[in-house]
Amino acid sequence: MKDKIALMCKALSDENRLTILELLVKGETCGCTLIDKLPISQPTLSYHLNLLNEVGLTRVTKEGTWKKYKVDKEQIDVIITYLEELKHLEGMCDIV
């Protein structure tokens, strides 16, 4: 589980990917609508979308030749739950 959270956190460490998630959380859309709102090239957008999909932060559905992306909110909840649990581990360390 920690390895999956680590991969998601790495994906979240890029400002462009954070912006992409912010745009996608508003609703499912294709890359063609995202590219107009970002200061990156289409190949770079594809790279970021593929990475977000690989780590599970987004889901992709195909409609003909179009790919539509949306945020997987359940995976966002996984990160939030982990951070909430982490916050409550105080005083439980056994390191000498």
PDB file of N, CA and C in Angstrom:
ATOM      1  N   MET A   1       0.820  -1.192   0.000  1.00  0.00           N
ATOM      2  CA  MET A   1       0.000   0.000   0.000  1.00  0.00           C
ATOM      3  C   MET A   1       0.864   1.256   0.000  1.00  0.00           C
ATOM      4  N   LYS A   2       1.934   1.247   0.806  1.00  0.00           N
ATOM      5  CA  LYS A   2       2.804   2.433   0.848  1.00  0.00           C
ATOM      6  C   LYS A   2       3.449   2.708  -0.499  1.00  0.00           C
ATOM      7  N   ASP A   3       3.763   1.627  -1.240  1.00  0.00           N
ATOM      8  CA  ASP A   3       4.392   1.838  -2.543  1.00  0.00           C
ATOM      9  C   ASP A   3       3.443   2.557  -3.503  1.00  0.00           C
ATOM     10  N   LYS A   4       2.152   2.226  -3.445  1.00  0.00           N
ATOM     11  CA  LYS A   4       1.169   2.894  -4.303  1.00  0.00           C
ATOM     12  C   LYS A   4       1.018   4.360  -3.895  1.00  0.00           C
ATOM     13  N   ILE A   5       0.980   4.621  -2.608  1.00  0.00           N
ATOM     14  CA  ILE A   5       0.862   6.001  -2.122  1.00  0.00           C
ATOM     15  C   ILE A   5       2.107   6.791  -2.509  1.00  0.00           C
ATOM     16  N   ALA A   6       3.284   6.165  -2.421  1.00  0.00           N
ATOM     17  CA  ALA A   6       4.519   6.843  -2.816  1.00  0.00           C
ATOM     18  C   ALA A   6       4.484   7.228  -4.291  1.00  0.00           C
ATOM     19  N   LEU A   7       3.982   6.333  -5.142  1.00  0.00           N
ATOM     20  CA  LEU A   7       3.881   6.638  -6.574  1.00  0.00           C
ATOM     21  C   LEU A   7       2.892   7.771  -6.831  1.00  0.00           C
ATOM     22  N   MET A   8       1.773   7.766  -6.101  1.00  0.00           N
ATOM     23  CA  MET A   8       0.804   8.846  -6.276  1.00  0.00           C
ATOM     24  C   MET A   8       1.385  10.180  -5.814  1.00  0.00           C
ATOM     25  N   CYS A   9       2.131  10.150  -4.714  1.00  0.00           N
ATOM     26  CA  CYS A   9       2.750  11.388  -4.228  1.00  0.00           C
ATOM     27  C   CYS A   9       3.785  11.913  -5.220  1.00  0.00           C
ATOM     28  N   LYS A  10       4.542  11.021  -5.833  1.00  0.00           N
ATOM     29  CA  LYS A  10       5.490  11.451  -6.867  1.00  0.00           C
ATOM     30  C   LYS A  10       4.748  12.109  -8.022  1.00  0.00           C
ATOM     31  N   ALA A  11       3.619  11.521  -8.415  1.00  0.00           N
ATOM     32  CA  ALA A  11       2.831  12.096  -9.504  1.00  0.00           C
ATOM     33  C   ALA A  11       2.305  13.470  -9.121  1.00  0.00           C
ATOM     34  N   LEU A  12       1.986  13.668  -7.853  1.00  0.00           N
ATOM     35  CA  LEU A  12       1.463  14.947  -7.378  1.00  0.00           C
ATOM     36  C   LEU A  12       2.550  15.997  -7.188  1.00  0.00           C
ATOM     37  N   SER A  13       3.807  15.608  -7.366  1.00  0.00           N
ATOM     38  CA  SER A  13       4.910  16.538  -7.118  1.00  0.00           C
ATOM     39  C   SER A  13       5.196  17.473  -8.292  1.00  0.00           C
ATOM     40  N   ASP A  14       4.388  17.403  -9.335  1.00  0.00           N
ATOM     41  CA  ASP A  14       4.578  18.253 -10.506  1.00  0.00           C
ATOM     42  C   ASP A  14       3.427  19.254 -10.600  1.00  0.00           C
ATOM     43  N   GLU A  15       3.759  20.522 -10.750  1.00  0.00           N
ATOM     44  CA  GLU A  15       2.753  21.582 -10.796  1.00  0.00           C
ATOM     45  C   GLU A  15       1.765  21.403 -11.950  1.00  0.00           C
ATOM     46  N   ASN A  16       2.250  20.971 -13.104  1.00  0.00           N
ATOM     47  CA  ASN A  16       1.351  20.752 -14.246  1.00  0.00           C
ATOM     48  C   ASN A  16       0.350  19.643 -13.959  1.00  0.00           C
ATOM     49  N   ARG A  17       0.798  18.563 -13.322  1.00  0.00           N
ATOM     50  CA  ARG A  17      -0.116  17.468 -13.008  1.00  0.00           C
ATOM     51  C   ARG A  17      -1.142  17.894 -11.968  1.00  0.00           C
ATOM     52  N   LEU A  18      -0.735  18.734 -11.021  1.00  0.00           N
ATOM     53  CA  LEU A  18      -1.706  19.260 -10.055  1.00  0.00           C
ATOM     54  C   LEU A  18      -2.770  20.095 -10.768  1.00  0.00           C
ATOM     55  N   THR A  19      -2.348  20.911 -11.713  1.00  0.00           N
ATOM     56  CA  THR A  19      -3.297  21.726 -12.476  1.00  0.00           C
ATOM     57  C   THR A  19      -4.227  20.843 -13.293  1.00  0.00           C
ATOM     58  N   ILE A  20      -3.685  19.802 -13.893  1.00  0.00           N
ATOM     59  CA  ILE A  20      -4.509  18.868 -14.669  1.00  0.00           C
ATOM     60  C   ILE A  20      -5.575  18.239 -13.770  1.00  0.00           C
ATOM     61  N   LEU A  21      -5.183  17.817 -12.575  1.00  0.00           N
ATOM     62  CA  LEU A  21      -6.161  17.237 -11.647  1.00  0.00           C
ATOM     63  C   LEU A  21      -7.221  18.251 -11.254  1.00  0.00           C
ATOM     64  N   GLU A  22      -6.804  19.486 -11.022  1.00  0.00           N
ATOM     65  CA  GLU A  22      -7.767  20.537 -10.669  1.00  0.00           C
ATOM     66  C   GLU A  22      -8.784  20.747 -11.788  1.00  0.00           C
ATOM     67  N   LEU A  23      -8.330  20.662 -13.020  1.00  0.00           N
ATOM     68  CA  LEU A  23      -9.233  20.813 -14.159  1.00  0.00           C
ATOM     69  C   LEU A  23     -10.141  19.590 -14.312  1.00  0.00           C
ATOM     70  N   LEU A  24      -9.579  18.415 -14.113  1.00  0.00           N
ATOM     71  CA  LEU A  24     -10.351  17.189 -14.294  1.00  0.00           C
ATOM     72  C   LEU A  24     -11.368  16.959 -13.187  1.00  0.00           C
ATOM     73  N   VAL A  25     -11.107  17.468 -12.019  1.00  0.00           N
ATOM     74  CA  VAL A  25     -12.053  17.254 -10.915  1.00  0.00           C
ATOM     75  C   VAL A  25     -13.374  17.967 -11.196  1.00  0.00           C
ATOM     76  N   LYS A  26     -13.352  18.916 -12.108  1.00  0.00           N
ATOM     77  CA  LYS A  26     -14.566  19.647 -12.496  1.00  0.00           C
ATOM     78  C   LYS A  26     -15.437  18.810 -13.433  1.00  0.00           C
ATOM     79  N   GLY A  27     -14.872  17.763 -14.003  1.00  0.00           N
ATOM     80  CA  GLY A  27     -15.638  16.896 -14.883  1.00  0.00           C
ATOM     81  C   GLY A  27     -14.772  16.205 -15.914  1.00  0.00           C
ATOM     82  N   GLU A  28     -15.288  15.129 -16.434  1.00  0.00           N
ATOM     83  CA  GLU A  28     -14.589  14.335 -17.448  1.00  0.00           C
ATOM     84  C   GLU A  28     -14.390  15.156 -18.719  1.00  0.00           C
ATOM     85  N   THR A  29     -13.203  15.042 -19.297  1.00  0.00           N
ATOM     86  CA  THR A  29     -12.921  15.761 -20.546  1.00  0.00           C
ATOM     87  C   THR A  29     -11.771  15.083 -21.284  1.00  0.00           C
ATOM     88  N   CYS A  30     -11.557  15.519 -22.504  1.00  0.00           N
ATOM     89  CA  CYS A  30     -10.457  14.984 -23.311  1.00  0.00           C
ATOM     90  C   CYS A  30      -9.261  15.937 -23.239  1.00  0.00           C
ATOM     91  N   GLY A  31      -8.129  15.440 -23.672  1.00  0.00           N
ATOM     92  CA  GLY A  31      -6.909  16.242 -23.655  1.00  0.00           C
ATOM     93  C   GLY A  31      -7.011  17.502 -24.499  1.00  0.00           C
ATOM     94  N   CYS A  32      -7.835  17.457 -25.540  1.00  0.00           N
ATOM     95  CA  CYS A  32      -7.958  18.613 -26.432  1.00  0.00           C
ATOM     96  C   CYS A  32      -8.527  19.834 -25.715  1.00  0.00           C
ATOM     97  N   THR A  33      -9.346  19.631 -24.705  1.00  0.00           N
ATOM     98  CA  THR A  33      -9.861  20.775 -23.946  1.00  0.00           C
ATOM     99  C   THR A  33      -8.884  21.211 -22.861  1.00  0.00           C
ATOM    100  N   LEU A  34      -8.054  20.285 -22.402  1.00  0.00           N
ATOM    101  CA  LEU A  34      -7.063  20.621 -21.365  1.00  0.00           C
ATOM    102  C   LEU A  34      -5.909  21.435 -21.938  1.00  0.00           C
ATOM    103  N   ILE A  35      -5.498  21.101 -23.150  1.00  0.00           N
ATOM    104  CA  ILE A  35      -4.297  21.715 -23.725  1.00  0.00           C
ATOM    105  C   ILE A  35      -4.427  23.223 -23.834  1.00  0.00           C
ATOM    106  N   ASP A  36      -5.638  23.723 -24.059  1.00  0.00           N
ATOM    107  CA  ASP A  36      -5.835  25.170 -24.174  1.00  0.00           C
ATOM    108  C   ASP A  36      -5.668  25.897 -22.847  1.00  0.00           C
ATOM    109  N   LYS A  37      -5.730  25.164 -21.753  1.00  0.00           N
ATOM    110  CA  LYS A  37      -5.660  25.773 -20.428  1.00  0.00           C
ATOM    111  C   LYS A  37      -4.297  25.597 -19.759  1.00  0.00           C
ATOM    112  N   LEU A  38      -3.363  25.010 -20.481  1.00  0.00           N
ATOM    113  CA  LEU A  38      -2.052  24.705 -19.905  1.00  0.00           C
ATOM    114  C   LEU A  38      -0.922  25.251 -20.784  1.00  0.00           C
ATOM    115  N   PRO A  39       0.175  25.668 -20.145  1.00  0.00           N
ATOM    116  CA  PRO A  39       1.307  26.199 -20.916  1.00  0.00           C
ATOM    117  C   PRO A  39       2.288  25.100 -21.339  1.00  0.00           C
ATOM    118  N   ILE A  40       1.747  23.974 -21.833  1.00  0.00           N
ATOM    119  CA  ILE A  40       2.597  22.837 -22.220  1.00  0.00           C
ATOM    120  C   ILE A  40       2.176  22.350 -23.602  1.00  0.00           C
ATOM    121  N   SER A  41       3.059  21.566 -24.223  1.00  0.00           N
ATOM    122  CA  SER A  41       2.765  21.013 -25.545  1.00  0.00           C
ATOM    123  C   SER A  41       1.868  19.778 -25.412  1.00  0.00           C
ATOM    124  N   GLN A  42       1.307  19.367 -26.530  1.00  0.00           N
ATOM    125  CA  GLN A  42       0.429  18.197 -26.526  1.00  0.00           C
ATOM    126  C   GLN A  42       1.174  16.926 -26.102  1.00  0.00           C
ATOM    127  N   PRO A  43       2.405  16.685 -26.589  1.00  0.00           N
ATOM    128  CA  PRO A  43       3.126  15.491 -26.130  1.00  0.00           C
ATOM    129  C   PRO A  43       3.396  15.512 -24.615  1.00  0.00           C
ATOM    130  N   THR A  44       3.673  16.693 -24.080  1.00  0.00           N
ATOM    131  CA  THR A  44       3.906  16.803 -22.640  1.00  0.00           C
ATOM    132  C   THR A  44       2.613  16.526 -21.878  1.00  0.00           C
ATOM    133  N   LEU A  45       1.502  17.036 -22.379  1.00  0.00           N
ATOM    134  CA  LEU A  45       0.208  16.762 -21.751  1.00  0.00           C
ATOM    135  C   LEU A  45      -0.073  15.262 -21.761  1.00  0.00           C
ATOM    136  N   SER A  46       0.172  14.613 -22.880  1.00  0.00           N
ATOM    137  CA  SER A  46      -0.040  13.163 -22.971  1.00  0.00           C
ATOM    138  C   SER A  46       0.809  12.425 -21.949  1.00  0.00           C
ATOM    139  N   TYR A  47       2.059  12.841 -21.798  1.00  0.00           N
ATOM    140  CA  TYR A  47       2.948  12.234 -20.813  1.00  0.00           C
ATOM    141  C   TYR A  47       2.350  12.352 -19.409  1.00  0.00           C
ATOM    142  N   HIS A  48       1.916  13.561 -19.042  1.00  0.00           N
ATOM    143  CA  HIS A  48       1.356  13.788 -17.711  1.00  0.00           C
ATOM    144  C   HIS A  48       0.067  12.991 -17.505  1.00  0.00           C
ATOM    145  N   LEU A  49      -0.812  12.976 -18.513  1.00  0.00           N
ATOM    146  CA  LEU A  49      -2.057  12.219 -18.397  1.00  0.00           C
ATOM    147  C   LEU A  49      -1.794  10.726 -18.254  1.00  0.00           C
ATOM    148  N   ASN A  50      -0.839  10.207 -19.011  1.00  0.00           N
ATOM    149  CA  ASN A  50      -0.492   8.786 -18.900  1.00  0.00           C
ATOM    150  C   ASN A  50       0.059   8.457 -17.526  1.00  0.00           C
ATOM    151  N   LEU A  51       0.902   9.333 -16.999  1.00  0.00           N
ATOM    152  CA  LEU A  51       1.476   9.088 -15.678  1.00  0.00           C
ATOM    153  C   LEU A  51       0.378   9.108 -14.604  1.00  0.00           C
ATOM    154  N   LEU A  52      -0.517  10.092 -14.664  1.00  0.00           N
ATOM    155  CA  LEU A  52      -1.622  10.159 -13.697  1.00  0.00           C
ATOM    156  C   LEU A  52      -2.499   8.917 -13.786  1.00  0.00           C
ATOM    157  N   ASN A  53      -2.688   8.424 -14.993  1.00  0.00           N
ATOM    158  CA  ASN A  53      -3.488   7.222 -15.171  1.00  0.00           C
ATOM    159  C   ASN A  53      -2.763   5.984 -14.641  1.00  0.00           C
ATOM    160  N   GLU A  54      -1.476   5.885 -14.886  1.00  0.00           N
ATOM    161  CA  GLU A  54      -0.689   4.732 -14.436  1.00  0.00           C
ATOM    162  C   GLU A  54      -0.709   4.582 -12.919  1.00  0.00           C
ATOM    163  N   VAL A  55      -0.670   5.691 -12.192  1.00  0.00           N
ATOM    164  CA  VAL A  55      -0.663   5.614 -10.732  1.00  0.00           C
ATOM    165  C   VAL A  55      -2.076   5.553 -10.149  1.00  0.00           C
ATOM    166  N   GLY A  56      -3.088   5.647 -11.003  1.00  0.00           N
ATOM    167  CA  GLY A  56      -4.457   5.479 -10.562  1.00  0.00           C
ATOM    168  C   GLY A  56      -5.189   6.741 -10.151  1.00  0.00           C
ATOM    169  N   LEU A  57      -4.588   7.892 -10.355  1.00  0.00           N
ATOM    170  CA  LEU A  57      -5.253   9.139  -9.964  1.00  0.00           C
ATOM    171  C   LEU A  57      -6.318   9.571 -10.960  1.00  0.00           C
ATOM    172  N   THR A  58      -6.232   9.052 -12.176  1.00  0.00           N
ATOM    173  CA  THR A  58      -7.263   9.334 -13.178  1.00  0.00           C
ATOM    174  C   THR A  58      -7.722   8.023 -13.799  1.00  0.00           C
ATOM    175  N   ARG A  59      -8.868   8.110 -14.444  1.00  0.00           N
ATOM    176  CA  ARG A  59      -9.400   6.995 -15.224  1.00  0.00           C
ATOM    177  C   ARG A  59      -9.627   7.480 -16.642  1.00  0.00           C
ATOM    178  N   VAL A  60      -9.484   6.568 -17.581  1.00  0.00           N
ATOM    179  CA  VAL A  60      -9.643   6.904 -18.995  1.00  0.00           C
ATOM    180  C   VAL A  60     -10.734   6.030 -19.590  1.00  0.00           C
ATOM    181  N   THR A  61     -11.594   6.659 -20.366  1.00  0.00           N
ATOM    182  CA  THR A  61     -12.563   5.907 -21.158  1.00  0.00           C
ATOM    183  C   THR A  61     -12.374   6.311 -22.615  1.00  0.00           C
ATOM    184  N   LYS A  62     -12.511   5.346 -23.497  1.00  0.00           N
ATOM    185  CA  LYS A  62     -12.376   5.627 -24.934  1.00  0.00           C
ATOM    186  C   LYS A  62     -13.754   5.742 -25.552  1.00  0.00           C
ATOM    187  N   GLU A  63     -13.898   6.783 -26.360  1.00  0.00           N
ATOM    188  CA  GLU A  63     -15.111   6.977 -27.151  1.00  0.00           C
ATOM    189  C   GLU A  63     -14.655   7.187 -28.593  1.00  0.00           C
ATOM    190  N   GLY A  64     -14.664   6.123 -29.360  1.00  0.00           N
ATOM    191  CA  GLY A  64     -14.134   6.187 -30.725  1.00  0.00           C
ATOM    192  C   GLY A  64     -12.641   6.425 -30.674  1.00  0.00           C
ATOM    193  N   THR A  65     -12.204   7.518 -31.301  1.00  0.00           N
ATOM    194  CA  THR A  65     -10.779   7.850 -31.285  1.00  0.00           C
ATOM    195  C   THR A  65     -10.424   8.776 -30.121  1.00  0.00           C
ATOM    196  N   TRP A  66     -11.430   9.186 -29.350  1.00  0.00           N
ATOM    197  CA  TRP A  66     -11.209  10.116 -28.235  1.00  0.00           C
ATOM    198  C   TRP A  66     -10.974   9.374 -26.927  1.00  0.00           C
ATOM    199  N   LYS A  67     -10.084   9.918 -26.119  1.00  0.00           N
ATOM    200  CA  LYS A  67      -9.888   9.430 -24.754  1.00  0.00           C
ATOM    201  C   LYS A  67     -10.399  10.510 -23.816  1.00  0.00           C
ATOM    202  N   LYS A  68     -11.257  10.108 -22.903  1.00  0.00           N
ATOM    203  CA  LYS A  68     -11.776  11.049 -21.919  1.00  0.00           C
ATOM    204  C   LYS A  68     -11.223  10.675 -20.552  1.00  0.00           C
ATOM    205  N   TYR A  69     -10.753  11.692 -19.849  1.00  0.00           N
ATOM    206  CA  TYR A  69     -10.110  11.506 -18.554  1.00  0.00           C
ATOM    207  C   TYR A  69     -10.982  12.077 -17.444  1.00  0.00           C
ATOM    208  N   LYS A  70     -10.920  11.434 -16.277  1.00  0.00           N
ATOM    209  CA  LYS A  70     -11.568  11.968 -15.089  1.00  0.00           C
ATOM    210  C   LYS A  70     -10.755  11.558 -13.870  1.00  0.00           C
ATOM    211  N   VAL A  71     -10.902  12.311 -12.799  1.00  0.00           N
ATOM    212  CA  VAL A  71     -10.198  12.024 -11.556  1.00  0.00           C
ATOM    213  C   VAL A  71     -10.850  10.821 -10.889  1.00  0.00           C
ATOM    214  N   ASP A  72     -10.027   9.924 -10.372  1.00  0.00           N
ATOM    215  CA  ASP A  72     -10.529   8.810  -9.571  1.00  0.00           C
ATOM    216  C   ASP A  72     -10.550   9.283  -8.116  1.00  0.00           C
ATOM    217  N   LYS A  73     -11.695   9.766  -7.690  1.00  0.00           N
ATOM    218  CA  LYS A  73     -11.810  10.361  -6.354  1.00  0.00           C
ATOM    219  C   LYS A  73     -11.581   9.352  -5.245  1.00  0.00           C
ATOM    220  N   GLU A  74     -11.808   8.073  -5.516  1.00  0.00           N
ATOM    221  CA  GLU A  74     -11.527   7.044  -4.511  1.00  0.00           C
ATOM    222  C   GLU A  74     -10.033   6.996  -4.196  1.00  0.00           C
ATOM    223  N   GLN A  75      -9.200   7.213  -5.214  1.00  0.00           N
ATOM    224  CA  GLN A  75      -7.752   7.201  -4.984  1.00  0.00           C
ATOM    225  C   GLN A  75      -7.302   8.452  -4.229  1.00  0.00           C
ATOM    226  N   ILE A  76      -7.987   9.564  -4.466  1.00  0.00           N
ATOM    227  CA  ILE A  76      -7.704  10.773  -3.689  1.00  0.00           C
ATOM    228  C   ILE A  76      -8.028  10.501  -2.227  1.00  0.00           C
ATOM    229  N   ASP A  77      -9.137   9.778  -1.985  1.00  0.00           N
ATOM    230  CA  ASP A  77      -9.511   9.416  -0.617  1.00  0.00           C
ATOM    231  C   ASP A  77      -8.467   8.515   0.030  1.00  0.00           C
ATOM    232  N   VAL A  78      -7.831   7.637  -0.751  1.00  0.00           N
ATOM    233  CA  VAL A  78      -6.772   6.767  -0.218  1.00  0.00           C
ATOM    234  C   VAL A  78      -5.621   7.620   0.323  1.00  0.00           C
ATOM    235  N   ILE A  79      -5.230   8.634  -0.441  1.00  0.00           N
ATOM    236  CA  ILE A  79      -4.148   9.517  -0.004  1.00  0.00           C
ATOM    237  C   ILE A  79      -4.566  10.282   1.242  1.00  0.00           C
ATOM    238  N   ILE A  80      -5.778  10.807   1.250  1.00  0.00           N
ATOM    239  CA  ILE A  80      -6.270  11.571   2.401  1.00  0.00           C
ATOM    240  C   ILE A  80      -6.316  10.692   3.646  1.00  0.00           C
ATOM    241  N   THR A  81      -6.816   9.476   3.504  1.00  0.00           N
ATOM    242  CA  THR A  81      -6.883   8.550   4.637  1.00  0.00           C
ATOM    243  C   THR A  81      -5.490   8.251   5.177  1.00  0.00           C
ATOM    244  N   TYR A  82      -4.545   8.003   4.275  1.00  0.00           N
ATOM    245  CA  TYR A  82      -3.174   7.737   4.709  1.00  0.00           C
ATOM    246  C   TYR A  82      -2.607   8.921   5.493  1.00  0.00           C
ATOM    247  N   LEU A  83      -2.794  10.123   4.982  1.00  0.00           N
ATOM    248  CA  LEU A  83      -2.266  11.309   5.660  1.00  0.00           C
ATOM    249  C   LEU A  83      -2.957  11.542   6.998  1.00  0.00           C
ATOM    250  N   GLU A  84      -4.247  11.271   7.081  1.00  0.00           N
ATOM    251  CA  GLU A  84      -4.973  11.402   8.352  1.00  0.00           C
ATOM    252  C   GLU A  84      -4.427  10.398   9.371  1.00  0.00           C
ATOM    253  N   GLU A  85      -4.209   9.159   8.947  1.00  0.00           N
ATOM    254  CA  GLU A  85      -3.650   8.141   9.834  1.00  0.00           C
ATOM    255  C   GLU A  85      -2.238   8.512  10.257  1.00  0.00           C
ATOM    256  N   LEU A  86      -1.466   9.037   9.335  1.00  0.00           N
ATOM    257  CA  LEU A  86      -0.101   9.454   9.630  1.00  0.00           C
ATOM    258  C   LEU A  86      -0.084  10.540  10.697  1.00  0.00           C
ATOM    259  N   LYS A  87      -1.030  11.436  10.600  1.00  0.00           N
ATOM    260  CA  LYS A  87      -1.137  12.536  11.544  1.00  0.00           C
ATOM    261  C   LYS A  87      -1.363  12.028  12.971  1.00  0.00           C
ATOM    262  N   HIS A  88      -1.984  10.879  13.116  1.00  0.00           N
ATOM    263  CA  HIS A  88      -2.330  10.356  14.437  1.00  0.00           C
ATOM    264  C   HIS A  88      -1.332   9.326  14.967  1.00  0.00           C
ATOM    265  N   LEU A  89      -0.205   9.140  14.301  1.00  0.00           N
ATOM    266  CA  LEU A  89       0.818   8.191  14.756  1.00  0.00           C
ATOM    267  C   LEU A  89       1.759   8.789  15.797  1.00  0.00           C
ATOM    268  N   GLU A  90       1.576  10.024  16.127  1.00  0.00           N
ATOM    269  CA  GLU A  90       2.438  10.712  17.086  1.00  0.00           C
ATOM    270  C   GLU A  90       2.504   9.937  18.397  1.00  0.00           C
ATOM    271  N   GLY A  91       3.702   9.829  18.951  1.00  0.00           N
ATOM    272  CA  GLY A  91       3.891   9.162  20.222  1.00  0.00           C
ATOM    273  C   GLY A  91       3.931   7.652  20.132  1.00  0.00           C
ATOM    274  N   MET A  92       3.909   7.099  18.931  1.00  0.00           N
ATOM    275  CA  MET A  92       3.890   5.650  18.775  1.00  0.00           C
ATOM    276  C   MET A  92       5.218   5.110  18.270  1.00  0.00           C
ATOM    277  N   CYS A  93       6.248   5.932  18.246  1.00  0.00           N
ATOM    278  CA  CYS A  93       7.539   5.525  17.696  1.00  0.00           C
ATOM    279  C   CYS A  93       8.320   4.690  18.696  1.00  0.00           C
ATOM    280  N   ASP A  94       8.885   3.566  18.206  1.00  0.00           N
ATOM    281  CA  ASP A  94       9.674   2.673  19.041  1.00  0.00           C
ATOM    282  C   ASP A  94      11.165   2.810  18.786  1.00  0.00           C
ATOM    283  N   ILE A  95      11.590   3.862  18.083  1.00  0.00           N
ATOM    284  CA  ILE A  95      13.002   4.058  17.771  1.00  0.00           C
ATOM    285  C   ILE A  95      13.728   4.476  19.040  1.00  0.00           C
ATOM    286  N   VAL A  96      14.840   3.804  19.300  1.00  0.00           N
ATOM    287  CA  VAL A  96      15.637   4.111  20.513  1.00  0.00           C
ATOM    288  C   VAL A  96      16.773   5.021  20.154  1.00  0.00           C
TER     289      VAL A  96
END
